[in-house]
All heavy atoms as atom14 arrays in JSON, in Angstrom:
{
  "sequence": "EMGETRAVIVMKNGRIVAERYAEGYHENTRFVSW",
  "atom14_mask": [
    [1, 1, 1, 1, 1, 1, 1, 1, 1, 0, 0, 0, 0, 0],
    [1, 1, 1, 1, 1, 1, 1, 1, 0, 0, 0, 0, 0, 0],
    [1, 1, 1, 1, 0, 0, 0, 0, 0, 0, 0, 0, 0, 0],
    [1, 1, 1, 1, 1, 1, 1, 1, 1, 0, 0, 0, 0, 0],
    [1, 1, 1, 1, 1, 1, 1, 0, 0, 0, 0, 0, 0, 0],
    [1, 1, 1, 1, 1, 1, 1, 1, 1, 1, 1, 0, 0, 0],
    [1, 1, 1, 1, 1, 0, 0, 0, 0, 0, 0, 0, 0, 0],
    [1, 1, 1, 1, 1, 1, 1, 0, 0, 0, 0, 0, 0, 0],
    [1, 1, 1, 1, 1, 1, 1, 1, 0, 0, 0, 0, 0, 0],
    [1, 1, 1, 1, 1, 1, 1, 0, 0, 0, 0, 0, 0, 0],
    [1, 1, 1, 1, 1, 1, 1, 1, 0, 0, 0, 0, 0, 0],
    [1, 1, 1, 1, 1, 1, 1, 1, 1, 0, 0, 0, 0, 0],
    [1, 1, 1, 1, 1, 1, 1, 1, 0, 0, 0, 0, 0, 0],
    [1, 1, 1, 1, 0, 0, 0, 0, 0, 0, 0, 0, 0, 0],
    [1, 1, 1, 1, 1, 1, 1, 1, 1, 1, 1, 0, 0, 0],
    [1, 1, 1, 1, 1, 1, 1, 1, 0, 0, 0, 0, 0, 0],
    [1, 1, 1, 1, 1, 1, 1, 0, 0, 0, 0, 0, 0, 0],
    [1, 1, 1, 1, 1, 0, 0, 0, 0, 0, 0, 0, 0, 0],
    [1, 1, 1, 1, 1, 1, 1, 1, 1, 0, 0, 0, 0, 0],
    [1, 1, 1, 1, 1, 1, 1, 1, 1, 1, 1, 0, 0, 0],
    [1, 1, 1, 1, 1, 1, 1, 1, 1, 1, 1, 1, 0, 0],
    [1, 1, 1, 1, 1, 0, 0, 0, 0, 0, 0, 0, 0, 0],
    [1, 1, 1, 1, 1, 1, 1, 1, 1, 0, 0, 0, 0, 0],
    [1, 1, 1, 1, 0, 0, 0, 0, 0, 0, 0, 0, 0, 0],
    [1, 1, 1, 1, 1, 1, 1, 1, 1, 1, 1, 1, 0, 0],
    [1, 1, 1, 1, 1, 1, 1, 1, 1, 1, 0, 0, 0, 0],
    [1, 1, 1, 1, 1, 1, 1, 1, 1, 0, 0, 0, 0, 0],
    [1, 1, 1, 1, 1, 1, 1, 1, 0, 0, 0, 0, 0, 0],
    [1, 1, 1, 1, 1, 1, 1, 0, 0, 0, 0, 0, 0, 0],
    [1, 1, 1, 1, 1, 1, 1, 1, 1, 1, 1, 0, 0, 0],
    [1, 1, 1, 1, 1, 1, 1, 1, 1, 1, 1, 0, 0, 0],
    [1, 1, 1, 1, 1, 1, 1, 0, 0, 0, 0, 0, 0, 0],
    [1, 1, 1, 1, 1, 1, 0, 0, 0, 0, 0, 0, 0, 0],
    [1, 1, 1, 1, 1, 1, 1, 1, 1, 1, 1, 1, 1, 1]
  ],
  "atom14_positions": [
    [[0.8, -1.24, -0.01], [-0.01, 0.0, 0.02], [0.83, 1.26, 0.0], [0.32, 2.38, -0.18], [-0.96, 0.01, 1.18], [-0.33, -0.12, 2.54], [-0.24, -1.56, 3.04], [-0.2, -2.46, 2.21], [-0.26, -1.74, 4.3], [0.0, 0.0, 0.0], [0.0, 0.0, 0.0], [0.0, 0.0, 0.0], [0.0, 0.0, 0.0], [0.0, 0.0, 0.0]],
    [[2.14, 1.14, 0.19], [3.04, 2.29, 0.16], [3.6, 2.52, -1.24], [4.46, 3.38, -1.44], [4.21, 2.11, 1.13], [3.8, 1.85, 2.55], [2.93, 3.22, 3.25], [2.71, 2.67, 4.96], [0.0, 0.0, 0.0], [0.0, 0.0, 0.0], [0.0, 0.0, 0.0], [0.0, 0.0, 0.0], [0.0, 0.0, 0.0], [0.0, 0.0, 0.0]],
    [[3.19, 1.74, -2.23], [3.77, 1.79, -3.53], [5.01, 0.89, -3.51], [5.05, -0.16, -2.89], [0.0, 0.0, 0.0], [0.0, 0.0, 0.0], [0.0, 0.0, 0.0], [0.0, 0.0, 0.0], [0.0, 0.0, 0.0], [0.0, 0.0, 0.0], [0.0, 0.0, 0.0], [0.0, 0.0, 0.0], [0.0, 0.0, 0.0], [0.0, 0.0, 0.0]],
    [[6.04, 1.31, -4.22], [7.27, 0.53, -4.31], [8.42, 1.26, -3.53], [9.03, 2.15, -4.1], [7.69, 0.31, -5.76], [8.94, -0.53, -5.89], [9.43, -0.63, -7.35], [8.61, -0.32, -8.24], [10.6, -0.95, -7.58], [0.0, 0.0, 0.0], [0.0, 0.0, 0.0], [0.0, 0.0, 0.0], [0.0, 0.0, 0.0], [0.0, 0.0, 0.0]],
    [[8.62, 0.86, -2.33], [9.74, 1.41, -1.54], [10.99, 0.66, -1.93], [11.0, -0.57, -1.88], [9.47, 1.33, -0.04], [8.37, 2.15, 0.29], [10.71, 1.74, 0.75], [0.0, 0.0, 0.0], [0.0, 0.0, 0.0], [0.0, 0.0, 0.0], [0.0, 0.0, 0.0], [0.0, 0.0, 0.0], [0.0, 0.0, 0.0], [0.0, 0.0, 0.0]],
    [[12.04, 1.4, -2.25], [13.25, 0.76, -2.73], [14.4, 0.91, -1.7], [15.36, 0.09, -1.69], [13.71, 1.43, -4.05], [12.68, 1.11, -5.18], [12.92, 1.91, -6.41], [11.97, 1.63, -7.47], [11.83, 2.28, -8.6], [12.65, 3.34, -8.84], [10.95, 1.88, -9.5], [0.0, 0.0, 0.0], [0.0, 0.0, 0.0], [0.0, 0.0, 0.0]],
    [[14.37, 1.97, -0.88], [15.42, 2.16, 0.11], [14.9, 3.0, 1.25], [14.1, 3.93, 1.06], [16.61, 2.87, -0.53], [0.0, 0.0, 0.0], [0.0, 0.0, 0.0], [0.0, 0.0, 0.0], [0.0, 0.0, 0.0], [0.0, 0.0, 0.0], [0.0, 0.0, 0.0], [0.0, 0.0, 0.0], [0.0, 0.0, 0.0], [0.0, 0.0, 0.0]],
    [[15.28, 2.63, 2.44], [14.96, 3.39, 3.66], [16.23, 3.48, 4.54], [16.89, 2.48, 4.78], [13.81, 2.8, 4.48], [13.64, 3.52, 5.83], [12.52, 2.86, 3.71], [0.0, 0.0, 0.0], [0.0, 0.0, 0.0], [0.0, 0.0, 0.0], [0.0, 0.0, 0.0], [0.0, 0.0, 0.0], [0.0, 0.0, 0.0], [0.0, 0.0, 0.0]],
    [[16.54, 4.69, 5.0], [17.62, 4.86, 5.96], [17.12, 5.76, 7.06], [16.43, 6.78, 6.82], [18.89, 5.5, 5.34], [19.56, 4.49, 4.39], [19.88, 5.92, 6.4], [20.8, 5.04, 3.72], [0.0, 0.0, 0.0], [0.0, 0.0, 0.0], [0.0, 0.0, 0.0], [0.0, 0.0, 0.0], [0.0, 0.0, 0.0], [0.0, 0.0, 0.0]],
    [[17.4, 5.37, 8.33], [17.09, 6.21, 9.5], [18.41, 6.49, 10.17], [19.17, 5.57, 10.48], [16.13, 5.51, 10.45], [15.8, 6.41, 11.65], [14.83, 5.15, 9.76], [0.0, 0.0, 0.0], [0.0, 0.0, 0.0], [0.0, 0.0, 0.0], [0.0, 0.0, 0.0], [0.0, 0.0, 0.0], [0.0, 0.0, 0.0], [0.0, 0.0, 0.0]],
    [[18.66, 7.79, 10.42], [19.86, 8.21, 11.17], [19.48, 8.9, 12.41], [18.56, 9.78, 12.41], [20.78, 9.12, 10.28], [21.36, 8.46, 9.06], [22.59, 9.46, 8.22], [23.97, 9.32, 9.36], [0.0, 0.0, 0.0], [0.0, 0.0, 0.0], [0.0, 0.0, 0.0], [0.0, 0.0, 0.0], [0.0, 0.0, 0.0], [0.0, 0.0, 0.0]],
    [[20.1, 8.57, 13.52], [19.88, 9.22, 14.79], [21.2, 9.75, 15.32], [22.14, 9.0, 15.5], [19.26, 8.19, 15.78], [19.17, 8.71, 17.22], [18.19, 9.86, 17.4], [17.99, 10.19, 18.88], [17.17, 11.41, 19.09], [0.0, 0.0, 0.0], [0.0, 0.0, 0.0], [0.0, 0.0, 0.0], [0.0, 0.0, 0.0], [0.0, 0.0, 0.0]],
    [[21.24, 11.07, 15.52], [22.46, 11.73, 15.98], [23.68, 11.36, 15.18], [24.72, 11.09, 15.72], [22.68, 11.41, 17.46], [21.6, 11.97, 18.36], [20.94, 13.01, 18.02], [21.33, 11.32, 19.49], [0.0, 0.0, 0.0], [0.0, 0.0, 0.0], [0.0, 0.0, 0.0], [0.0, 0.0, 0.0], [0.0, 0.0, 0.0], [0.0, 0.0, 0.0]],
    [[23.51, 11.35, 13.87], [24.61, 11.1, 12.99], [24.97, 9.69, 12.71], [25.94, 9.42, 12.03], [0.0, 0.0, 0.0], [0.0, 0.0, 0.0], [0.0, 0.0, 0.0], [0.0, 0.0, 0.0], [0.0, 0.0, 0.0], [0.0, 0.0, 0.0], [0.0, 0.0, 0.0], [0.0, 0.0, 0.0], [0.0, 0.0, 0.0], [0.0, 0.0, 0.0]],
    [[24.22, 8.71, 13.27], [24.54, 7.31, 13.14], [23.39, 6.57, 12.41], [22.23, 6.79, 12.71], [24.79, 6.7, 14.51], [25.12, 5.2, 14.52], [25.44, 4.78, 15.96], [24.3, 4.81, 16.83], [23.66, 3.72, 17.3], [24.08, 2.52, 16.94], [22.62, 3.87, 18.09], [0.0, 0.0, 0.0], [0.0, 0.0, 0.0], [0.0, 0.0, 0.0]],
    [[23.73, 5.74, 11.42], [22.67, 4.92, 10.8], [22.17, 3.89, 11.75], [22.93, 3.05, 12.23], [23.21, 4.26, 9.5], [23.54, 5.28, 8.45], [22.15, 3.27, 8.95], [24.11, 4.71, 7.17], [0.0, 0.0, 0.0], [0.0, 0.0, 0.0], [0.0, 0.0, 0.0], [0.0, 0.0, 0.0], [0.0, 0.0, 0.0], [0.0, 0.0, 0.0]],
    [[20.9, 3.94, 12.11], [20.29, 2.97, 13.03], [19.36, 2.03, 12.28], [18.96, 1.01, 12.86], [19.53, 3.68, 14.17], [20.55, 4.49, 15.02], [18.42, 4.58, 13.64], [0.0, 0.0, 0.0], [0.0, 0.0, 0.0], [0.0, 0.0, 0.0], [0.0, 0.0, 0.0], [0.0, 0.0, 0.0], [0.0, 0.0, 0.0], [0.0, 0.0, 0.0]],
    [[18.98, 2.3, 11.06], [18.19, 1.4, 10.26], [18.5, 1.64, 8.8], [18.62, 2.79, 8.35], [16.7, 1.6, 10.52], [0.0, 0.0, 0.0], [0.0, 0.0, 0.0], [0.0, 0.0, 0.0], [0.0, 0.0, 0.0], [0.0, 0.0, 0.0], [0.0, 0.0, 0.0], [0.0, 0.0, 0.0], [0.0, 0.0, 0.0], [0.0, 0.0, 0.0]],
    [[18.65, 0.55, 8.04], [18.92, 0.65, 6.6], [18.41, -0.59, 5.93], [18.74, -1.74, 6.31], [20.45, 0.78, 6.35], [20.81, 0.92, 4.87], [22.32, 1.21, 4.67], [23.09, 0.88, 5.6], [22.67, 1.71, 3.64], [0.0, 0.0, 0.0], [0.0, 0.0, 0.0], [0.0, 0.0, 0.0], [0.0, 0.0, 0.0], [0.0, 0.0, 0.0]],
    [[17.57, -0.39, 4.92], [16.98, -1.54, 4.25], [16.73, -1.2, 2.77], [16.38, -0.07, 2.44], [15.66, -1.94, 4.94], [14.99, -3.18, 4.34], [13.84, -3.64, 5.19], [13.07, -4.63, 4.5], [11.91, -5.12, 4.98], [11.45, -4.71, 6.13], [11.24, -6.02, 4.28], [0.0, 0.0, 0.0], [0.0, 0.0, 0.0], [0.0, 0.0, 0.0]],
    [[16.89, -2.22, 1.93], [16.67, -2.07, 0.48], [15.76, -3.12, -0.01], [15.7, -4.26, 0.51], [18.01, -2.14, -0.23], [19.0, -1.06, 0.13], [19.88, -1.25, 1.16], [18.98, 0.19, -0.48], [20.77, -0.29, 1.58], [19.86, 1.16, -0.13], [20.75, 0.93, 0.93], [21.62, 1.96, 1.29], [0.0, 0.0, 0.0], [0.0, 0.0, 0.0]],
    [[14.97, -2.78, -1.05], [14.18, -3.78, -1.73], [15.07, -4.64, -2.62], [16.23, -4.3, -2.92], [13.1, -3.11, -2.59], [0.0, 0.0, 0.0], [0.0, 0.0, 0.0], [0.0, 0.0, 0.0], [0.0, 0.0, 0.0], [0.0, 0.0, 0.0], [0.0, 0.0, 0.0], [0.0, 0.0, 0.0], [0.0, 0.0, 0.0], [0.0, 0.0, 0.0]],
    [[14.56, -5.79, -3.02], [15.32, -6.68, -3.87], [15.75, -5.94, -5.19], [14.92, -5.27, -5.82], [14.47, -7.93, -4.22], [15.25, -8.96, -5.03], [14.44, -10.21, -5.27], [13.31, -10.32, -4.78], [14.95, -11.09, -6.03], [0.0, 0.0, 0.0], [0.0, 0.0, 0.0], [0.0, 0.0, 0.0], [0.0, 0.0, 0.0], [0.0, 0.0, 0.0]],
    [[16.99, -6.09, -5.53], [17.51, -5.44, -6.74], [18.16, -4.09, -6.49], [18.71, -3.5, -7.4], [0.0, 0.0, 0.0], [0.0, 0.0, 0.0], [0.0, 0.0, 0.0], [0.0, 0.0, 0.0], [0.0, 0.0, 0.0], [0.0, 0.0, 0.0], [0.0, 0.0, 0.0], [0.0, 0.0, 0.0], [0.0, 0.0, 0.0], [0.0, 0.0, 0.0]],
    [[18.11, -3.61, -5.22], [18.74, -2.34, -4.88], [19.64, -2.54, -3.72], [19.5, -3.47, -2.94], [17.65, -1.27, -4.54], [16.63, -1.11, -5.63], [15.47, -1.79, -5.72], [16.93, -0.14, -6.64], [14.57, -1.63, -6.78], [16.03, 0.04, -7.7], [14.85, -0.65, -7.77], [13.99, -0.49, -8.77], [0.0, 0.0, 0.0], [0.0, 0.0, 0.0]],
    [[20.65, -1.63, -3.56], [21.64, -1.84, -2.52], [22.31, -0.55, -2.2], [21.95, 0.54, -2.79], [22.67, -2.93, -2.86], [23.29, -2.72, -4.23], [24.2, -1.76, -4.54], [23.0, -3.34, -5.43], [24.55, -1.8, -5.85], [23.81, -2.75, -6.38], [0.0, 0.0, 0.0], [0.0, 0.0, 0.0], [0.0, 0.0, 0.0], [0.0, 0.0, 0.0]],
    [[23.31, -0.52, -1.31], [23.91, 0.68, -0.85], [24.69, 1.48, -1.91], [25.0, 2.65, -1.76], [24.86, 0.42, 0.35], [26.04, -0.44, 0.03], [25.78, -1.95, 0.2], [24.56, -2.3, 0.27], [26.72, -2.73, 0.22], [0.0, 0.0, 0.0], [0.0, 0.0, 0.0], [0.0, 0.0, 0.0], [0.0, 0.0, 0.0], [0.0, 0.0, 0.0]],
    [[24.97, 0.82, -3.05], [25.69, 1.48, -4.15], [24.81, 1.91, -5.29], [25.26, 2.44, -6.3], [26.79, 0.57, -4.66], [27.9, 0.37, -3.64], [28.27, 1.31, -2.94], [28.4, -0.87, -3.53], [0.0, 0.0, 0.0], [0.0, 0.0, 0.0], [0.0, 0.0, 0.0], [0.0, 0.0, 0.0], [0.0, 0.0, 0.0], [0.0, 0.0, 0.0]],
    [[23.47, 1.67, -5.17], [22.51, 2.07, -6.2], [22.33, 3.57, -6.14], [22.1, 4.14, -5.09], [21.17, 1.37, -5.99], [21.34, -0.03, -6.01], [20.16, 1.82, -7.08], [0.0, 0.0, 0.0], [0.0, 0.0, 0.0], [0.0, 0.0, 0.0], [0.0, 0.0, 0.0], [0.0, 0.0, 0.0], [0.0, 0.0, 0.0], [0.0, 0.0, 0.0]],
    [[22.44, 4.24, -7.29], [22.1, 5.66, -7.35], [20.59, 5.78, -7.6], [20.04, 5.15, -8.47], [22.85, 6.35, -8.48], [24.31, 6.68, -8.2], [24.86, 7.58, -9.29], [26.22, 8.0, -9.05], [27.29, 7.48, -9.68], [27.13, 6.54, -10.58], [28.51, 7.96, -9.36], [0.0, 0.0, 0.0], [0.0, 0.0, 0.0], [0.0, 0.0, 0.0]],
    [[19.95, 6.65, -6.83], [18.54, 6.93, -6.96], [18.29, 8.35, -7.48], [19.02, 9.25, -7.12], [17.82, 6.77, -5.61], [17.89, 5.37, -5.06], [18.94, 4.97, -4.23], [16.89, 4.44, -5.34], [19.02, 3.72, -3.74], [16.98, 3.15, -4.83], [18.05, 2.77, -4.02], [0.0, 0.0, 0.0], [0.0, 0.0, 0.0], [0.0, 0.0, 0.0]],
    [[17.29, 8.49, -8.3], [16.99, 9.82, -8.88], [16.37, 10.68, -7.8], [15.53, 10.26, -7.02], [16.11, 9.71, -10.13], [14.73, 9.11, -9.8], [15.96, 11.04, -10.84], [0.0, 0.0, 0.0], [0.0, 0.0, 0.0], [0.0, 0.0, 0.0], [0.0, 0.0, 0.0], [0.0, 0.0, 0.0], [0.0, 0.0, 0.0], [0.0, 0.0, 0.0]],
    [[16.7, 11.93, -7.85], [16.22, 12.9, -6.86], [14.8, 13.35, -7.11], [14.0, 13.62, -6.19], [17.13, 14.15, -6.82], [17.01, 14.82, -8.05], [0.0, 0.0, 0.0], [0.0, 0.0, 0.0], [0.0, 0.0, 0.0], [0.0, 0.0, 0.0], [0.0, 0.0, 0.0], [0.0, 0.0, 0.0], [0.0, 0.0, 0.0], [0.0, 0.0, 0.0]],
    [[14.43, 13.5, -8.38], [13.3, 14.33, -8.76], [13.46, 15.68, -7.99], [14.56, 16.24, -7.92], [11.99, 13.6, -8.54], [11.82, 12.46, -9.51], [11.64, 11.14, -9.25], [11.78, 12.52, -10.98], [11.55, 10.39, -10.4], [11.66, 11.24, -11.46], [11.9, 13.59, -11.89], [11.61, 10.94, -12.84], [11.86, 13.28, -13.26], [11.69, 12.0, -13.71]]
  ]
}
């Protein structure tokens, strides 16, 4: 119901505390800004 989420990152006080990618995407994938 959220559409197609491809990447999520949560940072708290400068530290990554959550990071997840959909299948086919990863930390080196470039995403378009729009």
